[in-house]
Amino acid sequence: SVEDILAVDAFMSEIETRLDQEKGSVGIMALIETAKGLENAFAIAGAAGRVKALFLGAEDLTADLRCQRTKEGREIEYARARLVTAARAAGIDAYDTPFTDVTDDEGIRGDALVAKALGFSGKAAISPRHVEVINEVFSPSPADIEYAYEVMEAIRQAQAQGKGAVALRGKMVDAPIVARARQVIAMAEEMGMGR
């Protein structure tokens, strides 16, 4: 709840002051793992400036919902969408629940792809075995990066020529395409993969 976040925020501020650290320098990733937490997700996300992300805990959530947790994840589709929407509306990141079958390499890839398609920033891992696949899925590919730079170049050229409409590879380039291109370039540069 918001009250939980505010209590933790106050306690952390007290410790930061005691340790002579900048107030708010330590962030919170709020674990959402109950029906009540999910209903309060947006309020939790905006409760304090140090809340940097929401993290879905599907095992506890499905127990609270009294449903069976499955590999397919149909039972958490609503929770995933709701959590990402709440986090993005609050301007913070969202992290998906771990995939719990440590021996299912195909399953972790599929589950990570679903999470990425829903808009999650990343995915938790319960096994070191899953880390490589998760990183691969959530990192921009060389083709994604190249396309993002092409989008930005097309926009630059159109602005230089005074054009209002821009097409690239036969498709219109509008504000959402530019926003995604900027996100990909920022991620690539942060990972040392940019131009």
C-alpha atoms as a PDB file:
ATOM      1  CA  SER A   1       0.000   0.000   0.000  1.00  0.00           C
ATOM      2  CA  VAL A   2       0.969   3.651  -0.169  1.00  0.00           C
ATOM      3  CA  GLU A   3       1.279   3.612   3.619  1.00  0.00           C
ATOM      4  CA  ASP A   4       3.864   0.802   3.387  1.00  0.00           C
ATOM      5  CA  ILE A   5       5.921   2.775   0.884  1.00  0.00           C
ATOM      6  CA  LEU A   6       5.717   5.950   2.970  1.00  0.00           C
ATOM      7  CA  ALA A   7       6.845   4.072   6.096  1.00  0.00           C
ATOM      8  CA  VAL A   8       9.791   2.497   4.263  1.00  0.00           C
ATOM      9  CA  ASP A   9      10.657   5.840   2.635  1.00  0.00           C
ATOM     10  CA  ALA A  10      10.736   7.589   6.026  1.00  0.00           C
ATOM     11  CA  PHE A  11      12.883   4.821   7.529  1.00  0.00           C
ATOM     12  CA  MET A  12      15.295   4.897   4.589  1.00  0.00           C
ATOM     13  CA  SER A  13      15.524   8.701   4.775  1.00  0.00           C
ATOM     14  CA  GLU A  14      16.394   8.420   8.457  1.00  0.00           C
ATOM     15  CA  ILE A  15      19.181   5.933   7.697  1.00  0.00           C
ATOM     16  CA  GLU A  16      20.495   8.026   4.789  1.00  0.00           C
ATOM     17  CA  THR A  17      20.661  11.062   7.074  1.00  0.00           C
ATOM     18  CA  ARG A  18      22.429   9.046   9.758  1.00  0.00           C
ATOM     19  CA  LEU A  19      24.963   7.753   7.202  1.00  0.00           C
ATOM     20  CA  ASP A  20      25.375  11.206   5.626  1.00  0.00           C
ATOM     21  CA  GLN A  21      23.984  10.000   2.287  1.00  0.00           C
ATOM     22  CA  GLU A  22      21.876  12.063  -0.058  1.00  0.00           C
ATOM     23  CA  LYS A  23      18.189  11.676   0.796  1.00  0.00           C
ATOM     24  CA  GLY A  24      16.454   9.450  -1.741  1.00  0.00           C
ATOM     25  CA  SER A  25      19.719   8.074  -3.113  1.00  0.00           C
ATOM     26  CA  VAL A  26      18.600   4.481  -2.484  1.00  0.00           C
ATOM     27  CA  GLY A  27      15.655   3.435  -4.618  1.00  0.00           C
ATOM     28  CA  ILE A  28      12.736   1.116  -3.984  1.00  0.00           C
ATOM     29  CA  MET A  29      11.564  -1.625  -6.305  1.00  0.00           C
ATOM     30  CA  ALA A  30       8.104  -2.437  -4.945  1.00  0.00           C
ATOM     31  CA  LEU A  31       7.214  -6.119  -5.118  1.00  0.00           C
ATOM     32  CA  ILE A  32       3.552  -6.508  -6.053  1.00  0.00           C
ATOM     33  CA  GLU A  33       2.415  -9.961  -4.991  1.00  0.00           C
ATOM     34  CA  THR A  34      -1.157  -9.678  -3.686  1.00  0.00           C
ATOM     35  CA  ALA A  35      -4.509  -8.775  -5.189  1.00  0.00           C
ATOM     36  CA  LYS A  36      -4.601  -5.680  -2.965  1.00  0.00           C
ATOM     37  CA  GLY A  37      -1.103  -4.693  -4.069  1.00  0.00           C
ATOM     38  CA  LEU A  38      -2.108  -5.065  -7.711  1.00  0.00           C
ATOM     39  CA  GLU A  39      -5.200  -2.905  -7.178  1.00  0.00           C
ATOM     40  CA  ASN A  40      -2.954  -0.263  -5.548  1.00  0.00           C
ATOM     41  CA  ALA A  41      -0.108  -0.553  -8.090  1.00  0.00           C
ATOM     42  CA  PHE A  42      -0.394   2.939  -9.581  1.00  0.00           C
ATOM     43  CA  ALA A  43      -0.677   4.598  -6.161  1.00  0.00           C
ATOM     44  CA  ILE A  44       2.310   2.581  -4.935  1.00  0.00           C
ATOM     45  CA  ALA A  45       4.318   3.560  -8.022  1.00  0.00           C
ATOM     46  CA  GLY A  46       3.792   7.247  -7.297  1.00  0.00           C
ATOM     47  CA  ALA A  47       3.905   7.134  -3.502  1.00  0.00           C
ATOM     48  CA  ALA A  48       7.505   8.355  -3.163  1.00  0.00           C
ATOM     49  CA  GLY A  49      10.222   9.632  -5.472  1.00  0.00           C
ATOM     50  CA  ARG A  50      12.481   6.752  -4.526  1.00  0.00           C
ATOM     51  CA  VAL A  51      10.060   4.186  -6.033  1.00  0.00           C
ATOM     52  CA  LYS A  52      11.923   3.346  -9.249  1.00  0.00           C
ATOM     53  CA  ALA A  53      10.139   0.172 -10.356  1.00  0.00           C
ATOM     54  CA  LEU A  54       7.323  -2.277  -9.763  1.00  0.00           C
ATOM     55  CA  PHE A  55       8.114  -5.987  -9.735  1.00  0.00           C
ATOM     56  CA  LEU A  56       5.471  -8.690 -10.224  1.00  0.00           C
ATOM     57  CA  GLY A  57       5.587 -11.610  -7.790  1.00  0.00           C
ATOM     58  CA  ALA A  58       3.347 -14.115  -9.548  1.00  0.00           C
ATOM     59  CA  GLU A  59       3.802 -17.087  -7.223  1.00  0.00           C
ATOM     60  CA  ASP A  60       2.434 -15.258  -4.176  1.00  0.00           C
ATOM     61  CA  LEU A  61      -0.124 -13.412  -6.286  1.00  0.00           C
ATOM     62  CA  THR A  62      -1.625 -16.604  -7.690  1.00  0.00           C
ATOM     63  CA  ALA A  63      -1.765 -18.078  -4.177  1.00  0.00           C
ATOM     64  CA  ASP A  64      -3.634 -14.958  -3.039  1.00  0.00           C
ATOM     65  CA  LEU A  65      -5.938 -15.223  -6.070  1.00  0.00           C
ATOM     66  CA  ARG A  66      -6.513 -18.923  -5.270  1.00  0.00           C
ATOM     67  CA  CYS A  67      -5.550 -20.064  -8.736  1.00  0.00           C
ATOM     68  CA  GLN A  68      -2.970 -22.483 -10.079  1.00  0.00           C
ATOM     69  CA  ARG A  69       0.307 -21.027 -11.359  1.00  0.00           C
ATOM     70  CA  THR A  70       1.136 -22.496 -14.776  1.00  0.00           C
ATOM     71  CA  LYS A  71       4.027 -22.263 -17.226  1.00  0.00           C
ATOM     72  CA  GLU A  72       1.689 -20.783 -19.829  1.00  0.00           C
ATOM     73  CA  GLY A  73       0.851 -17.877 -17.507  1.00  0.00           C
ATOM     74  CA  ARG A  74      -2.747 -17.263 -18.600  1.00  0.00           C
ATOM     75  CA  GLU A  75      -3.653 -16.728 -14.948  1.00  0.00           C
ATOM     76  CA  ILE A  76      -1.333 -13.699 -14.694  1.00  0.00           C
ATOM     77  CA  GLU A  77      -2.097 -11.999 -18.025  1.00  0.00           C
ATOM     78  CA  TYR A  78      -4.242  -9.319 -16.379  1.00  0.00           C
ATOM     79  CA  ALA A  79      -1.718  -8.774 -13.579  1.00  0.00           C
ATOM     80  CA  ARG A  80       1.139  -8.359 -16.047  1.00  0.00           C
ATOM     81  CA  ALA A  81      -0.750  -5.825 -18.148  1.00  0.00           C
ATOM     82  CA  ARG A  82      -2.013  -3.928 -15.113  1.00  0.00           C
ATOM     83  CA  LEU A  83       1.436  -3.740 -13.505  1.00  0.00           C
ATOM     84  CA  VAL A  84       3.152  -2.475 -16.671  1.00  0.00           C
ATOM     85  CA  THR A  85       0.412   0.097 -17.222  1.00  0.00           C
ATOM     86  CA  ALA A  86       0.638   1.359 -13.626  1.00  0.00           C
ATOM     87  CA  ALA A  87       4.431   1.589 -13.758  1.00  0.00           C
ATOM     88  CA  ARG A  88       4.536   3.351 -17.121  1.00  0.00           C
ATOM     89  CA  ALA A  89       1.760   5.765 -16.095  1.00  0.00           C
ATOM     90  CA  ALA A  90       3.921   6.687 -13.086  1.00  0.00           C
ATOM     91  CA  GLY A  91       7.034   7.015 -15.263  1.00  0.00           C
ATOM     92  CA  ILE A  92       8.931   4.102 -13.702  1.00  0.00           C
ATOM     93  CA  ASP A  93      10.166   0.660 -14.764  1.00  0.00           C
ATOM     94  CA  ALA A  94       8.332  -2.664 -14.504  1.00  0.00           C
ATOM     95  CA  TYR A  95       9.991  -6.048 -13.961  1.00  0.00           C
ATOM     96  CA  ASP A  96       8.344  -9.359 -14.703  1.00  0.00           C
ATOM     97  CA  THR A  97       8.111 -12.357 -12.425  1.00  0.00           C
ATOM     98  CA  PRO A  98      10.742 -15.085 -12.710  1.00  0.00           C
ATOM     99  CA  PHE A  99      10.150 -18.198 -14.777  1.00  0.00           C
ATOM    100  CA  THR A 100      10.394 -20.972 -12.211  1.00  0.00           C
ATOM    101  CA  ASP A 101      11.337 -24.022 -14.310  1.00  0.00           C
ATOM    102  CA  VAL A 102      15.135 -23.823 -14.271  1.00  0.00           C
ATOM    103  CA  THR A 103      15.537 -26.630 -16.831  1.00  0.00           C
ATOM    104  CA  ASP A 104      13.107 -25.346 -19.495  1.00  0.00           C
ATOM    105  CA  ASP A 105      15.285 -23.274 -21.835  1.00  0.00           C
ATOM    106  CA  GLU A 106      12.549 -22.882 -24.452  1.00  0.00           C
ATOM    107  CA  GLY A 107      10.046 -21.873 -21.755  1.00  0.00           C
ATOM    108  CA  ILE A 108      12.213 -19.072 -20.345  1.00  0.00           C
ATOM    109  CA  ARG A 109      12.735 -17.621 -23.817  1.00  0.00           C
ATOM    110  CA  GLY A 110       9.009 -17.686 -24.577  1.00  0.00           C
ATOM    111  CA  ASP A 111       8.104 -16.203 -21.210  1.00  0.00           C
ATOM    112  CA  ALA A 112      10.700 -13.433 -21.585  1.00  0.00           C
ATOM    113  CA  LEU A 113       9.401 -12.624 -25.075  1.00  0.00           C
ATOM    114  CA  VAL A 114       5.853 -12.304 -23.700  1.00  0.00           C
ATOM    115  CA  ALA A 115       7.093  -9.981 -20.945  1.00  0.00           C
ATOM    116  CA  LYS A 116       9.013  -7.820 -23.411  1.00  0.00           C
ATOM    117  CA  ALA A 117       5.999  -7.644 -25.739  1.00  0.00           C
ATOM    118  CA  LEU A 118       3.879  -6.397 -22.829  1.00  0.00           C
ATOM    119  CA  GLY A 119       6.339  -3.571 -22.130  1.00  0.00           C
ATOM    120  CA  PHE A 120       8.301  -4.852 -19.135  1.00  0.00           C
ATOM    121  CA  SER A 121      11.741  -3.307 -18.635  1.00  0.00           C
ATOM    122  CA  GLY A 122      13.223  -6.664 -17.728  1.00  0.00           C
ATOM    123  CA  LYS A 123      12.598  -9.946 -16.001  1.00  0.00           C
ATOM    124  CA  ALA A 124      13.750 -11.457 -12.724  1.00  0.00           C
ATOM    125  CA  ALA A 125      15.709 -14.710 -12.751  1.00  0.00           C
ATOM    126  CA  ILE A 126      15.813 -17.444 -10.134  1.00  0.00           C
ATOM    127  CA  SER A 127      18.619 -19.289 -11.875  1.00  0.00           C
ATOM    128  CA  PRO A 128      21.902 -18.066 -13.366  1.00  0.00           C
ATOM    129  CA  ARG A 129      20.969 -20.323 -16.257  1.00  0.00           C
ATOM    130  CA  HIS A 130      18.213 -17.868 -17.270  1.00  0.00           C
ATOM    131  CA  VAL A 131      20.278 -14.671 -17.218  1.00  0.00           C
ATOM    132  CA  GLU A 132      21.780 -14.964 -20.708  1.00  0.00           C
ATOM    133  CA  VAL A 133      18.402 -15.537 -22.374  1.00  0.00           C
ATOM    134  CA  ILE A 134      16.758 -12.696 -20.427  1.00  0.00           C
ATOM    135  CA  ASN A 135      19.570 -10.309 -21.352  1.00  0.00           C
ATOM    136  CA  GLU A 136      19.363 -11.342 -24.996  1.00  0.00           C
ATOM    137  CA  VAL A 137      15.588 -10.864 -25.162  1.00  0.00           C
ATOM    138  CA  PHE A 138      15.553  -7.475 -23.417  1.00  0.00           C
ATOM    139  CA  SER A 139      18.603  -6.027 -25.199  1.00  0.00           C
ATOM    140  CA  PRO A 140      18.205  -4.323 -28.578  1.00  0.00           C
ATOM    141  CA  SER A 141      19.486  -6.378 -31.489  1.00  0.00           C
ATOM    142  CA  PRO A 142      21.985  -4.898 -33.964  1.00  0.00           C
ATOM    143  CA  ALA A 143      19.099  -4.642 -36.465  1.00  0.00           C
ATOM    144  CA  ASP A 144      16.950  -2.765 -33.900  1.00  0.00           C
ATOM    145  CA  ILE A 145      19.793  -0.346 -33.228  1.00  0.00           C
ATOM    146  CA  GLU A 146      20.504   0.267 -36.909  1.00  0.00           C
ATOM    147  CA  TYR A 147      16.813   0.911 -37.617  1.00  0.00           C
ATOM    148  CA  ALA A 148      16.634   3.371 -34.694  1.00  0.00           C
ATOM    149  CA  TYR A 149      19.550   5.365 -36.119  1.00  0.00           C
ATOM    150  CA  GLU A 150      17.899   5.286 -39.583  1.00  0.00           C
ATOM    151  CA  VAL A 151      14.692   6.694 -38.050  1.00  0.00           C
ATOM    152  CA  MET A 152      16.573   9.532 -36.402  1.00  0.00           C
ATOM    153  CA  GLU A 153      18.476  10.302 -39.614  1.00  0.00           C
ATOM    154  CA  ALA A 154      15.228  10.331 -41.622  1.00  0.00           C
ATOM    155  CA  ILE A 155      13.731  12.770 -39.114  1.00  0.00           C
ATOM    156  CA  ARG A 156      16.849  14.963 -39.245  1.00  0.00           C
ATOM    157  CA  GLN A 157      16.760  15.070 -43.054  1.00  0.00           C
ATOM    158  CA  ALA A 158      13.028  15.823 -43.140  1.00  0.00           C
ATOM    159  CA  GLN A 159      13.454  18.692 -40.683  1.00  0.00           C
ATOM    160  CA  ALA A 160      16.382  20.087 -42.705  1.00  0.00           C
ATOM    161  CA  GLN A 161      14.186  20.000 -45.828  1.00  0.00           C
ATOM    162  CA  GLY A 162      11.179  21.472 -44.038  1.00  0.00           C
ATOM    163  CA  LYS A 163       9.059  18.360 -44.559  1.00  0.00           C
ATOM    164  CA  GLY A 164       6.250  17.531 -42.158  1.00  0.00           C
ATOM    165  CA  ALA A 165       5.784  13.908 -43.148  1.00  0.00           C
ATOM    166  CA  VAL A 166       8.536  11.296 -43.111  1.00  0.00           C
ATOM    167  CA  ALA A 167       8.581   7.793 -44.571  1.00  0.00           C
ATOM    168  CA  LEU A 168      11.203   5.111 -44.035  1.00  0.00           C
ATOM    169  CA  ARG A 169      11.187   1.711 -45.697  1.00  0.00           C
ATOM    170  CA  GLY A 170       7.727   2.473 -47.064  1.00  0.00           C
ATOM    171  CA  LYS A 171       6.173   3.299 -43.677  1.00  0.00           C
ATOM    172  CA  MET A 172       5.254   6.584 -42.068  1.00  0.00           C
ATOM    173  CA  VAL A 173       7.499   7.658 -39.219  1.00  0.00           C
ATOM    174  CA  ASP A 174       5.460   9.371 -36.526  1.00  0.00           C
ATOM    175  CA  ALA A 175       6.012  10.401 -32.910  1.00  0.00           C
ATOM    176  CA  PRO A 176       5.671   6.899 -31.358  1.00  0.00           C
ATOM    177  CA  ILE A 177       8.226   5.480 -33.851  1.00  0.00           C
ATOM    178  CA  VAL A 178      10.640   8.296 -32.996  1.00  0.00           C
ATOM    179  CA  ALA A 179      10.101   7.762 -29.251  1.00  0.00           C
ATOM    180  CA  ARG A 180      10.892   4.042 -29.632  1.00  0.00           C
ATOM    181  CA  ALA A 181      13.969   4.839 -31.705  1.00  0.00           C
ATOM    182  CA  ARG A 182      15.215   7.196 -28.995  1.00  0.00           C
ATOM    183  CA  GLN A 183      14.637   4.508 -26.358  1.00  0.00           C
ATOM    184  CA  VAL A 184      16.561   1.915 -28.377  1.00  0.00           C
ATOM    185  CA  ILE A 185      19.470   4.304 -28.984  1.00  0.00           C
ATOM    186  CA  ALA A 186      19.609   5.288 -25.313  1.00  0.00           C
ATOM    187  CA  MET A 187      19.642   1.624 -24.255  1.00  0.00           C
ATOM    188  CA  ALA A 188      22.263   0.752 -26.890  1.00  0.00           C
ATOM    189  CA  GLU A 189      24.502   3.622 -25.816  1.00  0.00           C
ATOM    190  CA  GLU A 190      24.127   2.706 -22.158  1.00  0.00           C
ATOM    191  CA  MET A 191      25.198  -0.839 -23.025  1.00  0.00           C
ATOM    192  CA  GLY A 192      28.129   0.357 -25.150  1.00  0.00           C
ATOM    193  CA  MET A 193      26.438  -0.821 -28.363  1.00  0.00           C
ATOM    194  CA  GLY A 194      25.739   2.608 -29.884  1.00  0.00           C
ATOM    195  CA  ARG A 195      27.537   4.274 -32.743  1.00  0.00           C
END
